[in-house]
């Protein structure tokens, strides 16, 4: 059974393009990297790095030390009914922790074919609109609004 604690990782380039991946089990469901913890005591940053590698082939440990950032934001949402069978009976809500990961422009992407079938790099406003999950779009917009405020 899946643990109802997860990470979401917005992967982006310095030019503001964001990586979206299309789910294999739901056509046209585009999202950032997401995944549940493997154990209730798993470190969130380690879970984020693991999910990034599993879903995109990007090895976080090969990037600059500060490339993966905890956005220090979490949300709780209702698990889509189609996916509730993956959780213990009666579990209907999940707590998701947001991270960002800046990657070099030439970063190759290797999808896990059982999980995702396509990927796109999109300017962040377009990526935010294309996400099937409203909270995923909010995470993208929050990341780039925080970046803008730091530049001012």
C-alpha atoms as a PDB file:
ATOM      1  CA  UNK A   1       0.000   0.000   0.000  1.00  0.00           C
ATOM      2  CA  UNK A   2       1.172   3.494  -0.803  1.00  0.00           C
ATOM      3  CA  UNK A   3       1.937   5.914   2.021  1.00  0.00           C
ATOM      4  CA  UNK A   4      -0.269   9.046   1.786  1.00  0.00           C
ATOM      5  CA  UNK A   5       2.742  11.368   1.996  1.00  0.00           C
ATOM      6  CA  UNK A   6       4.340  12.426  -1.264  1.00  0.00           C
ATOM      7  CA  UNK A   7       6.711  14.824  -2.981  1.00  0.00           C
ATOM      8  CA  UNK A   8       6.214  16.944  -6.076  1.00  0.00           C
ATOM      9  CA  UNK A   9       9.329  18.194  -7.875  1.00  0.00           C
ATOM     10  CA  UNK A  10       9.135  21.051 -10.385  1.00  0.00           C
ATOM     11  CA  UNK A  11      12.103  20.544 -12.724  1.00  0.00           C
ATOM     12  CA  UNK A  12      13.144  23.658 -14.618  1.00  0.00           C
ATOM     13  CA  UNK A  13      15.898  25.315 -16.632  1.00  0.00           C
ATOM     14  CA  UNK A  14      17.412  28.763 -16.062  1.00  0.00           C
ATOM     15  CA  UNK A  15      15.374  30.135 -18.990  1.00  0.00           C
ATOM     16  CA  UNK A  16      12.109  29.362 -17.151  1.00  0.00           C
ATOM     17  CA  UNK A  17      11.171  26.241 -19.103  1.00  0.00           C
ATOM     18  CA  UNK A  18       9.537  23.555 -16.959  1.00  0.00           C
ATOM     19  CA  UNK A  19       9.560  19.816 -17.572  1.00  0.00           C
ATOM     20  CA  UNK A  20       6.153  18.128 -17.764  1.00  0.00           C
ATOM     21  CA  UNK A  21       5.678  14.389 -18.178  1.00  0.00           C
ATOM     22  CA  UNK A  22       2.574  12.607 -19.457  1.00  0.00           C
ATOM     23  CA  UNK A  23       1.227   9.742 -17.369  1.00  0.00           C
ATOM     24  CA  UNK A  24       1.113   6.312 -19.001  1.00  0.00           C
ATOM     25  CA  UNK A  25      -2.104   5.359 -17.211  1.00  0.00           C
ATOM     26  CA  UNK A  26      -4.019   8.526 -18.142  1.00  0.00           C
ATOM     27  CA  UNK A  27      -3.638  10.094 -21.589  1.00  0.00           C
ATOM     28  CA  UNK A  28      -3.256  13.873 -21.516  1.00  0.00           C
ATOM     29  CA  UNK A  29      -2.529  13.934 -17.770  1.00  0.00           C
ATOM     30  CA  UNK A  30       0.593  16.096 -17.684  1.00  0.00           C
ATOM     31  CA  UNK A  31       2.457  16.659 -14.455  1.00  0.00           C
ATOM     32  CA  UNK A  32       5.727  17.328 -12.700  1.00  0.00           C
ATOM     33  CA  UNK A  33       7.607  14.489 -11.023  1.00  0.00           C
ATOM     34  CA  UNK A  34       5.584  13.104  -8.113  1.00  0.00           C
ATOM     35  CA  UNK A  35       5.808  10.121  -5.850  1.00  0.00           C
ATOM     36  CA  UNK A  36       4.998   8.702  -2.452  1.00  0.00           C
ATOM     37  CA  UNK A  37       7.485   8.053   0.311  1.00  0.00           C
ATOM     38  CA  UNK A  38       8.781   4.474   0.514  1.00  0.00           C
ATOM     39  CA  UNK A  39       8.689   4.605   4.345  1.00  0.00           C
ATOM     40  CA  UNK A  40       7.036   6.989   6.787  1.00  0.00           C
ATOM     41  CA  UNK A  41      10.474   8.060   8.053  1.00  0.00           C
ATOM     42  CA  UNK A  42      12.045   8.534   4.595  1.00  0.00           C
ATOM     43  CA  UNK A  43      13.755  11.913   4.258  1.00  0.00           C
ATOM     44  CA  UNK A  44      11.681  14.131   1.960  1.00  0.00           C
ATOM     45  CA  UNK A  45      14.676  15.397  -0.041  1.00  0.00           C
ATOM     46  CA  UNK A  46      15.919  11.845  -0.561  1.00  0.00           C
ATOM     47  CA  UNK A  47      12.442  10.808  -1.707  1.00  0.00           C
ATOM     48  CA  UNK A  48      12.393  13.754  -4.130  1.00  0.00           C
ATOM     49  CA  UNK A  49      15.811  12.804  -5.554  1.00  0.00           C
ATOM     50  CA  UNK A  50      14.743   9.143  -5.852  1.00  0.00           C
ATOM     51  CA  UNK A  51      11.535  10.023  -7.689  1.00  0.00           C
ATOM     52  CA  UNK A  52      13.360  12.390 -10.047  1.00  0.00           C
ATOM     53  CA  UNK A  53      15.793   9.610 -10.976  1.00  0.00           C
ATOM     54  CA  UNK A  54      13.078   6.950 -11.323  1.00  0.00           C
ATOM     55  CA  UNK A  55      10.836   9.098 -13.530  1.00  0.00           C
ATOM     56  CA  UNK A  56      13.352  11.116 -15.588  1.00  0.00           C
ATOM     57  CA  UNK A  57      16.766   9.481 -15.261  1.00  0.00           C
ATOM     58  CA  UNK A  58      18.201  12.710 -13.782  1.00  0.00           C
ATOM     59  CA  UNK A  59      20.694  11.943 -10.993  1.00  0.00           C
ATOM     60  CA  UNK A  60      20.339  14.786  -8.486  1.00  0.00           C
ATOM     61  CA  UNK A  61      23.646  13.893  -6.828  1.00  0.00           C
ATOM     62  CA  UNK A  62      25.408  14.739 -10.111  1.00  0.00           C
ATOM     63  CA  UNK A  63      24.064  18.326 -10.057  1.00  0.00           C
ATOM     64  CA  UNK A  64      25.279  21.284  -7.977  1.00  0.00           C
ATOM     65  CA  UNK A  65      24.562  20.823  -4.267  1.00  0.00           C
ATOM     66  CA  UNK A  66      21.818  23.473  -4.153  1.00  0.00           C
ATOM     67  CA  UNK A  67      20.028  22.358  -7.360  1.00  0.00           C
ATOM     68  CA  UNK A  68      17.281  20.539  -5.400  1.00  0.00           C
ATOM     69  CA  UNK A  69      15.435  22.925  -3.115  1.00  0.00           C
ATOM     70  CA  UNK A  70      12.714  22.292  -0.589  1.00  0.00           C
ATOM     71  CA  UNK A  71      10.044  24.924  -1.284  1.00  0.00           C
ATOM     72  CA  UNK A  72       8.887  24.576   2.358  1.00  0.00           C
ATOM     73  CA  UNK A  73       5.310  24.260   1.231  1.00  0.00           C
ATOM     74  CA  UNK A  74       2.923  21.376   1.614  1.00  0.00           C
ATOM     75  CA  UNK A  75      -0.676  20.800   0.697  1.00  0.00           C
ATOM     76  CA  UNK A  76      -3.244  18.188   1.536  1.00  0.00           C
ATOM     77  CA  UNK A  77      -5.538  17.002  -1.215  1.00  0.00           C
ATOM     78  CA  UNK A  78      -8.159  14.372  -1.856  1.00  0.00           C
ATOM     79  CA  UNK A  79      -6.754  11.353  -3.667  1.00  0.00           C
ATOM     80  CA  UNK A  80      -8.470  10.811  -7.019  1.00  0.00           C
ATOM     81  CA  UNK A  81     -10.961   7.927  -6.652  1.00  0.00           C
ATOM     82  CA  UNK A  82      -9.279   6.031  -9.520  1.00  0.00           C
ATOM     83  CA  UNK A  83      -6.056   5.794  -7.481  1.00  0.00           C
ATOM     84  CA  UNK A  84      -7.445   5.155  -3.963  1.00  0.00           C
ATOM     85  CA  UNK A  85      -7.049   1.389  -4.322  1.00  0.00           C
ATOM     86  CA  UNK A  86      -3.281   1.917  -4.094  1.00  0.00           C
ATOM     87  CA  UNK A  87      -3.702   3.090  -0.479  1.00  0.00           C
ATOM     88  CA  UNK A  88      -4.932   1.404   2.696  1.00  0.00           C
ATOM     89  CA  UNK A  89      -8.719   1.133   3.009  1.00  0.00           C
ATOM     90  CA  UNK A  90     -10.262   4.403   4.142  1.00  0.00           C
ATOM     91  CA  UNK A  91      -7.316   6.586   3.093  1.00  0.00           C
ATOM     92  CA  UNK A  92      -8.698   9.433   0.969  1.00  0.00           C
ATOM     93  CA  UNK A  93      -6.237  12.280   1.546  1.00  0.00           C
ATOM     94  CA  UNK A  94      -2.550  12.781   0.761  1.00  0.00           C
ATOM     95  CA  UNK A  95      -0.014  15.322   2.041  1.00  0.00           C
ATOM     96  CA  UNK A  96       2.294  16.557  -0.729  1.00  0.00           C
ATOM     97  CA  UNK A  97       5.599  18.391  -0.150  1.00  0.00           C
ATOM     98  CA  UNK A  98       6.892  20.696  -2.899  1.00  0.00           C
ATOM     99  CA  UNK A  99      10.465  20.806  -4.225  1.00  0.00           C
ATOM    100  CA  UNK A 100      12.167  22.466  -7.183  1.00  0.00           C
ATOM    101  CA  UNK A 101      15.130  21.255  -9.200  1.00  0.00           C
ATOM    102  CA  UNK A 102      17.131  23.434 -11.570  1.00  0.00           C
ATOM    103  CA  UNK A 103      18.897  21.449 -14.287  1.00  0.00           C
ATOM    104  CA  UNK A 104      21.322  22.414 -17.073  1.00  0.00           C
ATOM    105  CA  UNK A 105      19.768  23.214 -20.463  1.00  0.00           C
ATOM    106  CA  UNK A 106      21.169  20.057 -22.075  1.00  0.00           C
ATOM    107  CA  UNK A 107      19.898  17.604 -19.451  1.00  0.00           C
ATOM    108  CA  UNK A 108      18.771  14.359 -21.104  1.00  0.00           C
ATOM    109  CA  UNK A 109      15.448  12.872 -20.021  1.00  0.00           C
ATOM    110  CA  UNK A 110      14.898   9.103 -19.818  1.00  0.00           C
ATOM    111  CA  UNK A 111      11.297   8.305 -18.943  1.00  0.00           C
ATOM    112  CA  UNK A 112      10.158   5.247 -17.003  1.00  0.00           C
ATOM    113  CA  UNK A 113       7.874   3.773 -19.722  1.00  0.00           C
ATOM    114  CA  UNK A 114       5.516   2.085 -17.257  1.00  0.00           C
ATOM    115  CA  UNK A 115       4.846   5.487 -15.654  1.00  0.00           C
ATOM    116  CA  UNK A 116       5.191   8.116 -18.393  1.00  0.00           C
ATOM    117  CA  UNK A 117       4.986   8.154 -22.168  1.00  0.00           C
ATOM    118  CA  UNK A 118       6.079  11.658 -23.195  1.00  0.00           C
ATOM    119  CA  UNK A 119       7.739  14.803 -21.918  1.00  0.00           C
ATOM    120  CA  UNK A 120       7.815  18.469 -22.873  1.00  0.00           C
ATOM    121  CA  UNK A 121       9.736  21.541 -21.823  1.00  0.00           C
ATOM    122  CA  UNK A 122       7.347  24.494 -21.695  1.00  0.00           C
ATOM    123  CA  UNK A 123       7.612  28.107 -20.550  1.00  0.00           C
ATOM    124  CA  UNK A 124       6.433  28.091 -16.948  1.00  0.00           C
ATOM    125  CA  UNK A 125       3.067  29.876 -17.523  1.00  0.00           C
ATOM    126  CA  UNK A 126       2.133  27.303 -20.197  1.00  0.00           C
ATOM    127  CA  UNK A 127       3.349  24.423 -18.045  1.00  0.00           C
ATOM    128  CA  UNK A 128       1.237  25.621 -15.111  1.00  0.00           C
ATOM    129  CA  UNK A 129      -1.872  25.692 -17.328  1.00  0.00           C
ATOM    130  CA  UNK A 130      -1.219  22.269 -18.853  1.00  0.00           C
ATOM    131  CA  UNK A 131      -0.969  20.354 -15.546  1.00  0.00           C
ATOM    132  CA  UNK A 132      -4.015  18.181 -14.863  1.00  0.00           C
ATOM    133  CA  UNK A 133      -3.657  18.881 -11.140  1.00  0.00           C
ATOM    134  CA  UNK A 134      -4.426  22.474 -10.120  1.00  0.00           C
ATOM    135  CA  UNK A 135      -1.992  22.206  -7.199  1.00  0.00           C
ATOM    136  CA  UNK A 136       0.811  21.208  -9.592  1.00  0.00           C
ATOM    137  CA  UNK A 137       0.132  24.391 -11.578  1.00  0.00           C
ATOM    138  CA  UNK A 138       0.160  26.362  -8.311  1.00  0.00           C
ATOM    139  CA  UNK A 139       3.557  24.873  -7.389  1.00  0.00           C
ATOM    140  CA  UNK A 140       5.015  26.018 -10.719  1.00  0.00           C
ATOM    141  CA  UNK A 141       3.610  29.537 -10.340  1.00  0.00           C
ATOM    142  CA  UNK A 142       4.775  29.734  -6.707  1.00  0.00           C
ATOM    143  CA  UNK A 143       8.311  28.750  -7.711  1.00  0.00           C
ATOM    144  CA  UNK A 144       8.557  31.446 -10.354  1.00  0.00           C
ATOM    145  CA  UNK A 145       6.821  34.146  -8.304  1.00  0.00           C
ATOM    146  CA  UNK A 146       9.339  33.493  -5.497  1.00  0.00           C
ATOM    147  CA  UNK A 147      12.201  33.730  -8.001  1.00  0.00           C
ATOM    148  CA  UNK A 148      10.872  37.068  -9.304  1.00  0.00           C
ATOM    149  CA  UNK A 149      10.565  38.536  -5.802  1.00  0.00           C
ATOM    150  CA  UNK A 150      14.178  37.575  -5.035  1.00  0.00           C
ATOM    151  CA  UNK A 151      15.348  39.469  -8.141  1.00  0.00           C
ATOM    152  CA  UNK A 152      13.597  42.702  -7.172  1.00  0.00           C
END
